[in-house]
Amino acid sequence: MYKGYVIGEKSLIQGFKSAGFEVCHALTPDDLKRELQKIHQEGKAGIILITEDLAKESKEIIRDFRLISNVVITVIPTHKGSEHLSFKELKRQIEYSIGVDMLGKEE
């Protein structure tokens, strides 16, 4: 059975534990890399949610992980609001794969 993971600052992600997610605490890109390596070695991940602040600092780490794994990684906003990193990534991937901007221009 696959598991869901949430990675980020402890106070921001603790509530996901009650929804059945495994919670992994990370404050820096190095922490994120270490947690992703553990998750990959375990081999049971189906989805990984990463807080937006951490993802913004760790774009290369996330990109590299996506190259070696089929696990779905998405970014979740924090209490500070959202910069729409997940939407921008999805938009870029759709445009790359089909050659058309189906989601419209950013305003």
N, C-alpha and C. Protein backbone atom coordinates (compact mmCIF):
# COMPACT_ATOMS: atom_id res chain seq x y z
N MET A 1 0.84 -1.18 0.00
CA MET A 1 0.00 0.00 0.00
C MET A 1 0.89 1.25 0.00
N TYR A 2 0.51 2.21 -0.79
CA TYR A 2 1.26 3.46 -0.87
C TYR A 2 0.93 4.39 0.29
N LYS A 3 1.90 5.25 0.61
CA LYS A 3 1.74 6.22 1.69
C LYS A 3 1.80 7.64 1.14
N GLY A 4 1.23 8.56 1.90
CA GLY A 4 1.36 9.97 1.60
C GLY A 4 2.28 10.61 2.61
N TYR A 5 3.13 11.50 2.15
CA TYR A 5 4.09 12.18 3.02
C TYR A 5 3.91 13.69 2.90
N VAL A 6 4.20 14.38 3.99
CA VAL A 6 4.22 15.84 4.00
C VAL A 6 5.56 16.25 4.59
N ILE A 7 6.24 17.16 3.89
CA ILE A 7 7.56 17.60 4.33
C ILE A 7 7.55 19.11 4.50
N GLY A 8 8.03 19.57 5.65
CA GLY A 8 8.10 21.00 5.90
C GLY A 8 8.33 21.30 7.38
N GLU A 9 8.07 22.53 7.74
CA GLU A 9 8.24 22.97 9.12
C GLU A 9 7.19 22.29 10.01
N LYS A 10 7.63 21.80 11.14
CA LYS A 10 6.79 20.99 12.03
C LYS A 10 5.44 21.65 12.33
N SER A 11 5.45 22.92 12.70
CA SER A 11 4.21 23.58 13.10
C SER A 11 3.23 23.75 11.93
N LEU A 12 3.73 23.71 10.71
CA LEU A 12 2.86 23.90 9.54
C LEU A 12 2.25 22.61 9.02
N ILE A 13 2.87 21.48 9.32
CA ILE A 13 2.43 20.23 8.69
C ILE A 13 1.85 19.22 9.67
N GLN A 14 1.92 19.48 10.95
CA GLN A 14 1.50 18.50 11.95
C GLN A 14 0.05 18.05 11.76
N GLY A 15 -0.82 18.93 11.30
CA GLY A 15 -2.23 18.57 11.12
C GLY A 15 -2.46 17.49 10.08
N PHE A 16 -1.54 17.31 9.14
CA PHE A 16 -1.69 16.28 8.12
C PHE A 16 -1.58 14.88 8.70
N LYS A 17 -0.99 14.77 9.87
CA LYS A 17 -0.86 13.47 10.52
C LYS A 17 -2.23 12.86 10.81
N SER A 18 -3.18 13.72 11.19
CA SER A 18 -4.53 13.23 11.48
C SER A 18 -5.26 12.77 10.23
N ALA A 19 -4.78 13.17 9.06
CA ALA A 19 -5.38 12.74 7.80
C ALA A 19 -4.69 11.50 7.24
N GLY A 20 -3.75 10.93 8.00
CA GLY A 20 -3.10 9.70 7.59
C GLY A 20 -1.76 9.86 6.88
N PHE A 21 -1.27 11.08 6.77
CA PHE A 21 0.02 11.31 6.12
C PHE A 21 1.16 11.05 7.09
N GLU A 22 2.28 10.61 6.56
CA GLU A 22 3.52 10.55 7.33
C GLU A 22 4.11 11.95 7.32
N VAL A 23 4.50 12.45 8.47
CA VAL A 23 5.01 13.81 8.59
C VAL A 23 6.53 13.76 8.74
N CYS A 24 7.21 14.51 7.88
CA CYS A 24 8.68 14.59 7.90
C CYS A 24 9.08 16.04 8.08
N HIS A 25 9.84 16.31 9.12
CA HIS A 25 10.22 17.69 9.44
C HIS A 25 11.48 18.08 8.66
N ALA A 26 11.42 19.24 8.00
CA ALA A 26 12.57 19.76 7.26
C ALA A 26 12.51 21.28 7.25
N LEU A 27 13.63 21.90 7.51
CA LEU A 27 13.70 23.36 7.52
C LEU A 27 14.58 23.91 6.39
N THR A 28 15.52 23.10 5.92
CA THR A 28 16.47 23.55 4.91
C THR A 28 16.43 22.61 3.70
N PRO A 29 16.98 23.06 2.58
CA PRO A 29 17.07 22.16 1.41
C PRO A 29 17.83 20.87 1.71
N ASP A 30 18.86 20.93 2.56
CA ASP A 30 19.58 19.71 2.92
C ASP A 30 18.69 18.74 3.69
N ASP A 31 17.86 19.27 4.59
CA ASP A 31 16.89 18.44 5.31
C ASP A 31 15.93 17.79 4.33
N LEU A 32 15.45 18.56 3.36
CA LEU A 32 14.52 18.03 2.36
C LEU A 32 15.17 16.91 1.57
N LYS A 33 16.39 17.13 1.13
CA LYS A 33 17.10 16.10 0.35
C LYS A 33 17.23 14.81 1.15
N ARG A 34 17.58 14.94 2.42
CA ARG A 34 17.73 13.77 3.29
C ARG A 34 16.39 13.02 3.44
N GLU A 35 15.30 13.77 3.65
CA GLU A 35 13.99 13.14 3.80
C GLU A 35 13.54 12.46 2.51
N LEU A 36 13.78 13.11 1.37
CA LEU A 36 13.42 12.51 0.08
C LEU A 36 14.20 11.22 -0.17
N GLN A 37 15.47 11.20 0.22
CA GLN A 37 16.27 9.99 0.07
C GLN A 37 15.70 8.85 0.93
N LYS A 38 15.31 9.16 2.16
CA LYS A 38 14.70 8.15 3.03
C LYS A 38 13.41 7.61 2.43
N ILE A 39 12.59 8.51 1.94
CA ILE A 39 11.31 8.12 1.35
C ILE A 39 11.53 7.25 0.12
N HIS A 40 12.49 7.63 -0.70
CA HIS A 40 12.78 6.86 -1.91
C HIS A 40 13.29 5.46 -1.57
N GLN A 41 14.14 5.36 -0.57
CA GLN A 41 14.67 4.05 -0.16
C GLN A 41 13.57 3.15 0.38
N GLU A 42 12.62 3.73 1.08
CA GLU A 42 11.51 2.94 1.62
C GLU A 42 10.64 2.39 0.49
N GLY A 43 10.44 3.18 -0.55
CA GLY A 43 9.74 2.72 -1.73
C GLY A 43 8.23 2.58 -1.61
N LYS A 44 7.61 3.24 -0.65
CA LYS A 44 6.17 3.09 -0.45
C LYS A 44 5.39 4.38 -0.69
N ALA A 45 6.05 5.41 -1.19
CA ALA A 45 5.40 6.72 -1.35
C ALA A 45 4.52 6.75 -2.59
N GLY A 46 3.35 7.34 -2.45
CA GLY A 46 2.45 7.57 -3.56
C GLY A 46 2.35 9.05 -3.89
N ILE A 47 2.42 9.88 -2.84
CA ILE A 47 2.36 11.33 -3.01
C ILE A 47 3.19 11.99 -1.92
N ILE A 48 3.84 13.08 -2.29
CA ILE A 48 4.61 13.87 -1.34
C ILE A 48 4.17 15.32 -1.46
N LEU A 49 3.79 15.90 -0.34
CA LEU A 49 3.43 17.31 -0.28
C LEU A 49 4.58 18.05 0.39
N ILE A 50 5.01 19.16 -0.21
CA ILE A 50 6.11 19.94 0.34
C ILE A 50 5.63 21.37 0.53
N THR A 51 5.94 21.97 1.67
CA THR A 51 5.51 23.34 1.91
C THR A 51 6.18 24.28 0.90
N GLU A 52 5.45 25.31 0.53
CA GLU A 52 5.88 26.19 -0.55
C GLU A 52 7.20 26.91 -0.23
N ASP A 53 7.38 27.34 1.00
CA ASP A 53 8.62 28.03 1.37
C ASP A 53 9.83 27.14 1.16
N LEU A 54 9.71 25.89 1.56
CA LEU A 54 10.81 24.93 1.40
C LEU A 54 11.02 24.59 -0.07
N ALA A 55 9.95 24.40 -0.81
CA ALA A 55 10.05 24.06 -2.23
C ALA A 55 10.70 25.18 -3.03
N LYS A 56 10.40 26.41 -2.66
CA LYS A 56 10.96 27.56 -3.38
C LYS A 56 12.48 27.57 -3.28
N GLU A 57 13.01 27.13 -2.15
CA GLU A 57 14.46 27.09 -1.93
C GLU A 57 15.10 25.83 -2.50
N SER A 58 14.29 24.86 -2.92
CA SER A 58 14.81 23.53 -3.24
C SER A 58 14.39 23.04 -4.62
N LYS A 59 14.26 23.92 -5.58
CA LYS A 59 13.76 23.53 -6.90
C LYS A 59 14.60 22.44 -7.56
N GLU A 60 15.93 22.55 -7.47
CA GLU A 60 16.79 21.55 -8.11
C GLU A 60 16.67 20.18 -7.44
N ILE A 61 16.54 20.19 -6.12
CA ILE A 61 16.40 18.93 -5.38
C ILE A 61 15.11 18.22 -5.79
N ILE A 62 14.03 18.97 -5.90
CA ILE A 62 12.75 18.39 -6.31
C ILE A 62 12.83 17.89 -7.75
N ARG A 63 13.44 18.69 -8.63
CA ARG A 63 13.59 18.28 -10.02
C ARG A 63 14.38 16.98 -10.13
N ASP A 64 15.48 16.88 -9.39
CA ASP A 64 16.31 15.67 -9.42
C ASP A 64 15.55 14.47 -8.88
N PHE A 65 14.75 14.67 -7.84
CA PHE A 65 13.96 13.56 -7.29
C PHE A 65 12.93 13.08 -8.30
N ARG A 66 12.32 13.99 -9.01
CA ARG A 66 11.33 13.60 -10.02
C ARG A 66 11.95 12.77 -11.14
N LEU A 67 13.24 12.97 -11.42
CA LEU A 67 13.92 12.19 -12.45
C LEU A 67 14.13 10.74 -12.05
N ILE A 68 14.23 10.46 -10.77
CA ILE A 68 14.50 9.10 -10.31
C ILE A 68 13.28 8.40 -9.73
N SER A 69 12.16 9.11 -9.63
CA SER A 69 10.99 8.54 -8.97
C SER A 69 9.70 8.90 -9.70
N ASN A 70 8.73 8.02 -9.60
CA ASN A 70 7.41 8.27 -10.18
C ASN A 70 6.42 8.85 -9.17
N VAL A 71 6.90 9.16 -8.00
CA VAL A 71 6.05 9.69 -6.94
C VAL A 71 5.56 11.08 -7.32
N VAL A 72 4.29 11.34 -7.05
CA VAL A 72 3.72 12.66 -7.30
C VAL A 72 4.19 13.60 -6.20
N ILE A 73 4.79 14.71 -6.61
CA ILE A 73 5.21 15.74 -5.65
C ILE A 73 4.42 17.00 -5.97
N THR A 74 3.81 17.58 -4.96
CA THR A 74 3.13 18.84 -5.15
C THR A 74 3.46 19.77 -3.99
N VAL A 75 3.23 21.04 -4.23
CA VAL A 75 3.57 22.07 -3.26
C VAL A 75 2.29 22.58 -2.60
N ILE A 76 2.36 22.75 -1.28
CA ILE A 76 1.20 23.27 -0.56
C ILE A 76 1.55 24.64 0.02
N PRO A 77 0.60 25.56 -0.01
CA PRO A 77 0.86 26.90 0.53
C PRO A 77 0.95 26.87 2.05
N THR A 78 1.54 27.90 2.59
CA THR A 78 1.64 28.04 4.05
C THR A 78 0.73 29.18 4.49
N HIS A 79 0.82 29.51 5.75
CA HIS A 79 0.02 30.61 6.31
C HIS A 79 0.40 31.96 5.70
N LYS A 80 1.53 32.03 5.02
CA LYS A 80 1.98 33.28 4.40
C LYS A 80 1.29 33.56 3.08
N GLY A 81 0.52 32.59 2.59
CA GLY A 81 -0.13 32.75 1.29
C GLY A 81 0.59 31.91 0.25
N SER A 82 0.12 31.99 -0.97
CA SER A 82 0.66 31.15 -2.03
C SER A 82 1.28 31.98 -3.14
N GLU A 83 2.37 31.47 -3.67
CA GLU A 83 2.98 32.05 -4.87
C GLU A 83 2.65 31.22 -6.09
N HIS A 84 1.77 30.25 -5.95
CA HIS A 84 1.27 29.41 -7.03
C HIS A 84 2.37 28.61 -7.73
N LEU A 85 3.33 28.09 -6.97
CA LEU A 85 4.41 27.32 -7.56
C LEU A 85 3.89 26.06 -8.25
N SER A 86 2.93 25.37 -7.66
CA SER A 86 2.39 24.15 -8.27
C SER A 86 1.70 24.45 -9.58
N PHE A 87 0.92 25.52 -9.62
CA PHE A 87 0.22 25.89 -10.84
C PHE A 87 1.23 26.24 -11.94
N LYS A 88 2.26 26.99 -11.59
CA LYS A 88 3.27 27.37 -12.58
C LYS A 88 3.98 26.14 -13.13
N GLU A 89 4.30 25.18 -12.26
CA GLU A 89 4.96 23.96 -12.70
C GLU A 89 4.03 23.14 -13.61
N LEU A 90 2.78 22.99 -13.22
CA LEU A 90 1.82 22.26 -14.03
C LEU A 90 1.65 22.92 -15.40
N LYS A 91 1.54 24.21 -15.41
CA LYS A 91 1.38 24.98 -16.65
C LYS A 91 2.59 24.75 -17.56
N ARG A 92 3.78 24.80 -16.99
CA ARG A 92 5.01 24.60 -17.76
C ARG A 92 5.07 23.19 -18.33
N GLN A 93 4.67 22.19 -17.54
CA GLN A 93 4.70 20.80 -18.00
C GLN A 93 3.69 20.55 -19.13
N ILE A 94 2.50 21.11 -19.00
CA ILE A 94 1.49 20.95 -20.05
C ILE A 94 1.96 21.61 -21.34
N GLU A 95 2.47 22.81 -21.22
CA GLU A 95 2.95 23.52 -22.41
C GLU A 95 4.11 22.77 -23.06
N TYR A 96 4.99 22.21 -22.26
CA TYR A 96 6.11 21.45 -22.80
C TYR A 96 5.65 20.18 -23.51
N SER A 97 4.70 19.48 -22.90
CA SER A 97 4.29 18.18 -23.45
C SER A 97 3.39 18.29 -24.67
N ILE A 98 2.52 19.30 -24.74
CA ILE A 98 1.63 19.38 -25.90
C ILE A 98 1.87 20.62 -26.77
N GLY A 99 2.72 21.51 -26.30
CA GLY A 99 3.08 22.67 -27.11
C GLY A 99 2.07 23.79 -27.13
N VAL A 100 1.08 23.72 -26.25
CA VAL A 100 0.02 24.73 -26.21
C VAL A 100 -0.18 25.18 -24.77
N ASP A 101 -0.40 26.48 -24.58
CA ASP A 101 -0.68 27.01 -23.25
C ASP A 101 -2.18 26.88 -22.98
N MET A 102 -2.60 25.73 -22.49
CA MET A 102 -4.02 25.46 -22.26
C MET A 102 -4.58 26.16 -21.04
N LEU A 103 -3.73 26.55 -20.11
CA LEU A 103 -4.19 27.15 -18.86
C LEU A 103 -4.21 28.67 -18.91
N GLY A 104 -3.84 29.23 -20.02
CA GLY A 104 -3.92 30.68 -20.18
C GLY A 104 -2.70 31.41 -19.67
N LYS A 105 -2.57 32.61 -20.10
CA LYS A 105 -1.45 33.46 -19.69
C LYS A 105 -1.65 33.92 -18.26
N GLU A 106 -0.52 34.06 -17.55
CA GLU A 106 -0.58 34.58 -16.18
C GLU A 106 -0.91 36.05 -16.20
N GLU A 107 -1.68 36.47 -15.23
CA GLU A 107 -2.06 37.88 -15.16
C GLU A 107 -1.25 38.62 -14.15
